């Protein structure tokens, strides 16, 4: 590359650095709007596809600051300039730093319903399988964050992730990137239909929960119980869960010092017994009823049993 080419890259990079620095101090949405009104977005889109990584990274940093602190309307302004069209290529780039930054930007972009729909129209999820197998944990976590956003509050979003055959990759990380993977599973069982929950359970998800319920981290136990609480709203899933003999791990959970863990465990037992004589007998046989009685005066949510 000649001196002219290097000089152009230097100037492009310097200009982007200026905007990046300005935006990093512009957590106020009015300040972000002023920077957007300079017309920078029209220049950013082509720079995301630049041949030089240093320029691409600077452009991504600038977009990242806008979508991190901007309003939904400001995020829409970003995606309206065709910026999302470049991410399919960036997600396949050999440079880890670019991929990680691109996923960070997309994680913030997918907090906007409008932007999320545009992103899915680009069929970006087809590139997620290798990202969910990436050796770098932060890339896996960022990819899971995007899937969580895609599924959040949306049956259609859950179906998109299932149809993209990504659920099997989420399951791989229940033992590794546990909290992010559990959150992803949680979105499916919280917002999915019974048929979708059954599809998820059929992939062998429940086999991981015996270990998770014995984990030393409270936040993992609490999230695992939340997921199981939603899973046990499905009769089919509930029967599969009981076949895993998960209730054998409930005694210490019902004596746990954290009340939310107790409440989540009681919620699951309530679902197991709901409308089922067999379910009631299973809880009695697991010798858990004595622990339920311990919380008659302590946990108000126990009223769901009566």
Protein backbone atom coordinates (compact mmCIF):
# COMPACT_ATOMS: atom_id res chain seq x y z
CA UNK A 1 0.00 0.00 0.00
CA UNK A 2 1.37 3.42 -0.98
CA UNK A 3 1.71 6.43 1.27
CA UNK A 4 -1.58 7.89 0.00
CA UNK A 5 -3.46 4.74 0.98
CA UNK A 6 -1.84 4.68 4.41
CA UNK A 7 -2.59 8.35 4.90
CA UNK A 8 -6.27 7.81 4.05
CA UNK A 9 -6.52 4.96 6.54
CA UNK A 10 -4.78 7.07 9.16
CA UNK A 11 -7.23 9.93 8.61
CA UNK A 12 -10.25 7.62 8.63
CA UNK A 13 -9.05 5.94 11.78
CA UNK A 14 -8.26 9.25 13.47
CA UNK A 15 -11.71 10.64 12.65
CA UNK A 16 -13.38 7.54 14.02
CA UNK A 17 -11.24 7.69 17.15
CA UNK A 18 -12.42 11.25 17.65
CA UNK A 19 -16.07 10.19 17.44
CA UNK A 20 -15.37 7.16 19.62
CA UNK A 21 -13.78 9.34 22.32
CA UNK A 22 -16.60 11.88 22.04
CA UNK A 23 -19.21 9.15 22.35
CA UNK A 24 -17.48 7.48 25.27
CA UNK A 25 -18.13 10.69 27.20
CA UNK A 26 -21.61 11.15 25.73
CA UNK A 27 -23.76 8.91 27.89
CA UNK A 28 -26.42 11.63 27.67
CA UNK A 29 -28.84 10.85 24.82
CA UNK A 30 -28.89 14.50 23.70
CA UNK A 31 -25.13 14.45 23.20
CA UNK A 32 -25.40 11.22 21.25
CA UNK A 33 -28.07 12.82 19.08
CA UNK A 34 -25.78 15.76 18.30
CA UNK A 35 -23.07 13.36 17.16
CA UNK A 36 -25.58 11.35 15.05
CA UNK A 37 -26.71 14.61 13.39
CA UNK A 38 -23.15 15.25 12.17
CA UNK A 39 -23.92 12.61 9.53
CA UNK A 40 -21.32 10.13 10.78
CA UNK A 41 -23.63 7.14 10.31
CA UNK A 42 -23.54 7.45 6.52
CA UNK A 43 -19.75 7.21 6.67
CA UNK A 44 -19.69 4.36 9.17
CA UNK A 45 -21.52 1.71 7.11
CA UNK A 46 -18.94 1.40 4.30
CA UNK A 47 -16.05 1.53 6.80
CA UNK A 48 -17.38 -1.61 8.49
CA UNK A 49 -16.52 -3.43 5.27
CA UNK A 50 -13.08 -1.81 4.94
CA UNK A 51 -10.12 -3.99 3.96
CA UNK A 52 -8.06 -2.77 6.94
CA UNK A 53 -8.92 -4.30 10.32
CA UNK A 54 -7.84 -1.17 12.19
CA UNK A 55 -10.50 0.86 10.35
CA UNK A 56 -13.19 -1.79 10.83
CA UNK A 57 -12.45 -1.97 14.54
CA UNK A 58 -12.58 1.80 14.94
CA UNK A 59 -15.91 1.88 13.09
CA UNK A 60 -17.28 -0.92 15.29
CA UNK A 61 -16.18 0.92 18.42
CA UNK A 62 -18.04 4.01 17.28
CA UNK A 63 -21.22 2.09 16.45
CA UNK A 64 -20.84 0.27 19.75
CA UNK A 65 -20.90 3.45 21.79
CA UNK A 66 -24.06 4.69 20.02
CA UNK A 67 -26.01 1.46 20.52
CA UNK A 68 -24.77 1.00 24.08
CA UNK A 69 -26.00 4.35 25.37
CA UNK A 70 -28.54 5.41 22.72
CA UNK A 71 -32.32 5.23 22.82
CA UNK A 72 -34.32 2.75 20.73
CA UNK A 73 -34.91 5.53 18.20
CA UNK A 74 -31.18 6.25 18.00
CA UNK A 75 -30.44 2.53 17.55
CA UNK A 76 -33.01 2.49 14.75
CA UNK A 77 -31.15 5.40 13.12
CA UNK A 78 -27.98 3.32 13.23
CA UNK A 79 -29.48 0.20 11.63
CA UNK A 80 -31.40 2.36 9.14
CA UNK A 81 -28.10 3.28 7.48
CA UNK A 82 -27.50 -0.32 6.40
CA UNK A 83 -24.95 -1.05 9.09
CA UNK A 84 -26.31 -4.55 9.80
CA UNK A 85 -25.55 -5.68 6.24
CA UNK A 86 -21.85 -5.87 7.09
CA UNK A 87 -22.11 -8.10 10.16
CA UNK A 88 -22.48 -11.41 8.33
CA UNK A 89 -19.00 -10.92 6.90
CA UNK A 90 -17.50 -9.61 10.16
CA UNK A 91 -18.78 -12.62 12.14
CA UNK A 92 -16.76 -14.88 9.83
CA UNK A 93 -13.58 -12.78 10.12
CA UNK A 94 -10.38 -14.52 11.31
CA UNK A 95 -9.66 -11.71 13.83
CA UNK A 96 -11.13 -12.58 17.24
CA UNK A 97 -11.13 -8.95 18.34
CA UNK A 98 -13.42 -7.97 15.46
CA UNK A 99 -15.82 -10.84 16.11
CA UNK A 100 -16.02 -10.07 19.82
CA UNK A 101 -16.70 -6.37 19.21
CA UNK A 102 -19.26 -7.16 16.50
CA UNK A 103 -21.16 -9.47 18.88
CA UNK A 104 -21.05 -6.80 21.59
CA UNK A 105 -22.62 -4.31 19.14
CA UNK A 106 -25.28 -6.83 18.07
CA UNK A 107 -26.06 -7.61 21.70
CA UNK A 108 -27.00 -3.97 22.24
CA UNK A 109 -28.73 -3.72 18.85
CA UNK A 110 -31.00 -6.66 19.69
CA UNK A 111 -32.40 -4.85 22.72
CA UNK A 112 -34.48 -2.91 20.15
CA UNK A 113 -37.44 -4.87 18.73
CA UNK A 114 -37.25 -3.02 15.41
CA UNK A 115 -33.48 -3.52 15.07
CA UNK A 116 -33.80 -7.15 16.11
CA UNK A 117 -36.28 -7.87 13.31
CA UNK A 118 -33.97 -6.22 10.76
CA UNK A 119 -31.04 -8.25 12.04
CA UNK A 120 -32.96 -11.51 11.72
CA UNK A 121 -33.89 -10.57 8.16
CA UNK A 122 -30.15 -10.60 7.43
CA UNK A 123 -30.17 -14.27 8.51
CA UNK A 124 -27.20 -13.60 10.78
CA UNK A 125 -27.97 -16.58 13.03
CA UNK A 126 -26.70 -18.96 10.34
CA UNK A 127 -23.18 -17.91 11.38
CA UNK A 128 -23.68 -18.62 15.09
CA UNK A 129 -22.87 -22.36 15.21
CA UNK A 130 -19.07 -21.83 14.99
CA UNK A 131 -19.30 -18.87 17.37
CA UNK A 132 -20.95 -21.08 20.00
CA UNK A 133 -18.04 -23.50 19.59
CA UNK A 134 -15.38 -20.78 19.70
CA UNK A 135 -12.37 -21.32 22.01
CA UNK A 136 -12.73 -17.81 23.47
CA UNK A 137 -15.33 -17.75 26.27
CA UNK A 138 -16.26 -14.08 25.83
CA UNK A 139 -17.29 -14.73 22.22
CA UNK A 140 -19.53 -17.59 23.37
CA UNK A 141 -21.07 -15.40 26.10
CA UNK A 142 -21.73 -12.54 23.67
CA UNK A 143 -23.34 -14.94 21.19
CA UNK A 144 -25.56 -16.38 23.93
CA UNK A 145 -26.52 -12.83 24.99
CA UNK A 146 -27.80 -12.15 21.46
CA UNK A 147 -29.82 -15.37 21.44
CA UNK A 148 -31.32 -14.39 24.81
CA UNK A 149 -32.39 -11.04 23.34
CA UNK A 150 -33.82 -12.70 20.22
CA UNK A 151 -35.97 -15.03 22.35
CA UNK A 152 -36.94 -12.56 25.08
CA UNK A 153 -40.70 -12.16 25.31
CA UNK A 154 -41.24 -13.72 21.89
CA UNK A 155 -42.60 -17.13 20.91
CA UNK A 156 -41.49 -16.33 17.34
CA UNK A 157 -37.98 -15.56 18.58
CA UNK A 158 -37.83 -18.88 20.42
CA UNK A 159 -38.91 -20.67 17.24
CA UNK A 160 -36.26 -18.86 15.19
CA UNK A 161 -33.52 -20.13 17.53
CA UNK A 162 -34.95 -23.67 17.46
CA UNK A 163 -35.27 -23.60 13.64
CA UNK A 164 -31.67 -22.35 13.35
CA UNK A 165 -30.70 -25.57 15.19
CA UNK A 166 -28.79 -23.59 17.81
CA UNK A 167 -30.33 -25.10 20.92
CA UNK A 168 -27.93 -28.04 20.90
CA UNK A 169 -25.04 -25.55 21.11
CA UNK A 170 -26.67 -23.74 24.03
CA UNK A 171 -26.82 -27.07 25.87
CA UNK A 172 -23.08 -27.57 25.40
CA UNK A 173 -22.46 -24.60 27.68
CA UNK A 174 -24.61 -25.58 30.63
CA UNK A 175 -21.40 -26.99 32.10
CA UNK A 176 -19.03 -24.27 30.84
CA UNK A 177 -20.58 -20.85 30.34
CA UNK A 178 -23.30 -21.87 32.75
CA UNK A 179 -25.10 -18.68 33.69
CA UNK A 180 -25.36 -17.32 30.13
CA UNK A 181 -26.50 -20.72 28.84
CA UNK A 182 -29.07 -21.05 31.64
CA UNK A 183 -30.42 -17.59 30.82
CA UNK A 184 -30.82 -18.68 27.18
CA UNK A 185 -32.65 -21.84 28.23
CA UNK A 186 -34.71 -19.74 30.63
CA UNK A 187 -35.97 -17.52 27.81
CA UNK A 188 -37.12 -20.56 25.86
CA UNK A 189 -39.05 -22.14 28.71
CA UNK A 190 -40.41 -18.80 29.93
CA UNK A 191 -41.75 -17.52 26.62
CA UNK A 192 -42.03 -20.70 24.55
CA UNK A 193 -45.19 -22.66 23.89
CA UNK A 194 -45.66 -26.09 25.47
CA UNK A 195 -44.67 -27.63 22.15
CA UNK A 196 -41.47 -25.59 22.11
CA UNK A 197 -40.67 -26.54 25.71
CA UNK A 198 -41.20 -30.18 24.81
CA UNK A 199 -38.82 -29.79 21.85
CA UNK A 200 -36.20 -28.29 24.14
CA UNK A 201 -36.63 -30.96 26.82
CA UNK A 202 -36.37 -33.62 24.13
CA UNK A 203 -32.80 -32.44 23.45
CA UNK A 204 -31.73 -33.79 26.85
CA UNK A 205 -31.59 -30.51 28.77
CA UNK A 206 -32.84 -32.01 32.04
CA UNK A 207 -29.83 -34.29 32.39
CA UNK A 208 -27.71 -31.26 33.38
CA UNK A 209 -29.84 -30.06 36.27
CA UNK A 210 -28.89 -32.62 38.90
CA UNK A 211 -25.36 -31.19 38.85
CA UNK A 212 -26.51 -27.56 38.67
CA UNK A 213 -28.75 -27.92 41.74
CA UNK A 214 -25.70 -28.99 43.76
CA UNK A 215 -23.53 -26.13 42.54
CA UNK A 216 -21.71 -23.88 45.00
CA UNK A 217 -22.89 -20.68 43.26
CA UNK A 218 -26.25 -19.42 44.53
CA UNK A 219 -27.06 -17.52 41.33
CA UNK A 220 -26.74 -20.70 39.27
CA UNK A 221 -28.97 -22.68 41.62
CA UNK A 222 -31.57 -19.89 41.61
CA UNK A 223 -31.56 -19.63 37.80
CA UNK A 224 -31.69 -23.43 37.41
CA UNK A 225 -34.74 -23.58 39.70
CA UNK A 226 -36.39 -20.76 37.75
CA UNK A 227 -35.91 -22.72 34.53
CA UNK A 228 -37.27 -25.91 36.12
CA UNK A 229 -40.26 -23.99 37.48
CA UNK A 230 -41.24 -23.06 33.94
CA UNK A 231 -40.38 -26.51 32.59
CA UNK A 232 -42.72 -28.15 35.10
CA UNK A 233 -45.71 -26.21 33.75
CA UNK A 234 -45.65 -28.78 30.92
CA UNK A 235 -47.04 -32.20 31.85
CA UNK A 236 -44.75 -33.93 29.37
CA UNK A 237 -41.64 -32.10 30.58
CA UNK A 238 -42.61 -32.64 34.20
CA UNK A 239 -42.74 -36.42 33.75
CA UNK A 240 -39.29 -36.40 32.10
CA UNK A 241 -37.92 -34.28 34.94
CA UNK A 242 -39.21 -36.69 37.56
CA UNK A 243 -37.59 -39.57 35.66
CA UNK A 244 -34.27 -37.80 36.31
CA UNK A 245 -34.97 -38.14 40.05
CA UNK A 246 -34.17 -34.46 40.51
CA UNK A 247 -36.25 -34.21 43.70
CA UNK A 248 -33.57 -36.08 45.63
CA UNK A 249 -31.57 -32.81 45.63
CA UNK A 250 -34.40 -30.68 47.03
CA UNK A 251 -33.94 -31.24 50.77
CA UNK A 252 -30.92 -28.89 51.10
CA UNK A 253 -32.61 -26.38 48.77
CA UNK A 254 -35.62 -26.20 51.08
CA UNK A 255 -33.22 -25.45 53.94
CA UNK A 256 -31.23 -22.89 51.98
CA UNK A 257 -30.50 -19.51 53.64
CA UNK A 258 -31.67 -17.62 50.54
CA UNK A 259 -35.45 -17.25 50.50
CA UNK A 260 -35.72 -16.95 46.69
CA UNK A 261 -34.15 -20.39 46.29
CA UNK A 262 -36.67 -21.83 48.78
CA UNK A 263 -39.55 -20.15 46.95
CA UNK A 264 -38.39 -21.42 43.55
CA UNK A 265 -38.05 -24.95 44.95
CA UNK A 266 -41.56 -24.74 46.44
CA UNK A 267 -42.91 -23.48 43.12
CA UNK A 268 -41.55 -26.59 41.39
CA UNK A 269 -43.08 -28.89 44.03
CA UNK A 270 -46.37 -27.05 43.58
CA UNK A 271 -46.23 -27.72 39.83
CA UNK A 272 -45.36 -31.37 40.39
CA UNK A 273 -48.38 -31.87 42.66
CA UNK A 274 -50.81 -29.65 40.73
CA UNK A 275 -53.91 -31.63 39.76
CA UNK A 276 -52.12 -34.93 40.22
CA UNK A 277 -52.53 -37.55 42.93
CA UNK A 278 -49.41 -39.25 41.58
CA UNK A 279 -47.50 -35.97 41.85
CA UNK A 280 -48.53 -35.57 45.49
CA UNK A 281 -47.38 -39.13 46.21
CA UNK A 282 -44.02 -38.47 44.52
CA UNK A 283 -43.39 -35.49 46.82
CA UNK A 284 -44.41 -37.52 49.88
CA UNK A 285 -42.20 -40.45 48.82
CA UNK A 286 -39.27 -38.03 48.35
CA UNK A 287 -39.78 -37.12 52.04
CA UNK A 288 -40.10 -33.44 51.18
CA UNK A 289 -43.41 -32.68 52.84
CA UNK A 290 -41.76 -32.09 56.23
CA UNK A 291 -39.63 -29.37 54.61
CA UNK A 292 -42.71 -27.77 53.08
CA UNK A 293 -44.26 -27.56 56.55
CA UNK A 294 -41.19 -25.70 57.81
CA UNK A 295 -42.10 -22.77 55.59
CA UNK A 296 -45.81 -22.41 56.37
CA UNK A 297 -45.13 -19.28 58.43
CA UNK A 298 -42.08 -18.06 56.54
CA UNK A 299 -42.83 -18.18 52.82
CA UNK A 300 -46.10 -16.55 51.79
CA UNK A 301 -45.96 -18.07 48.33
CA UNK A 302 -46.74 -21.41 49.94
CA UNK A 303 -50.41 -20.50 49.49
CA UNK A 304 -50.14 -22.01 45.99
CA UNK A 305 -50.31 -25.45 47.61
CA UNK A 306 -53.78 -24.96 49.05
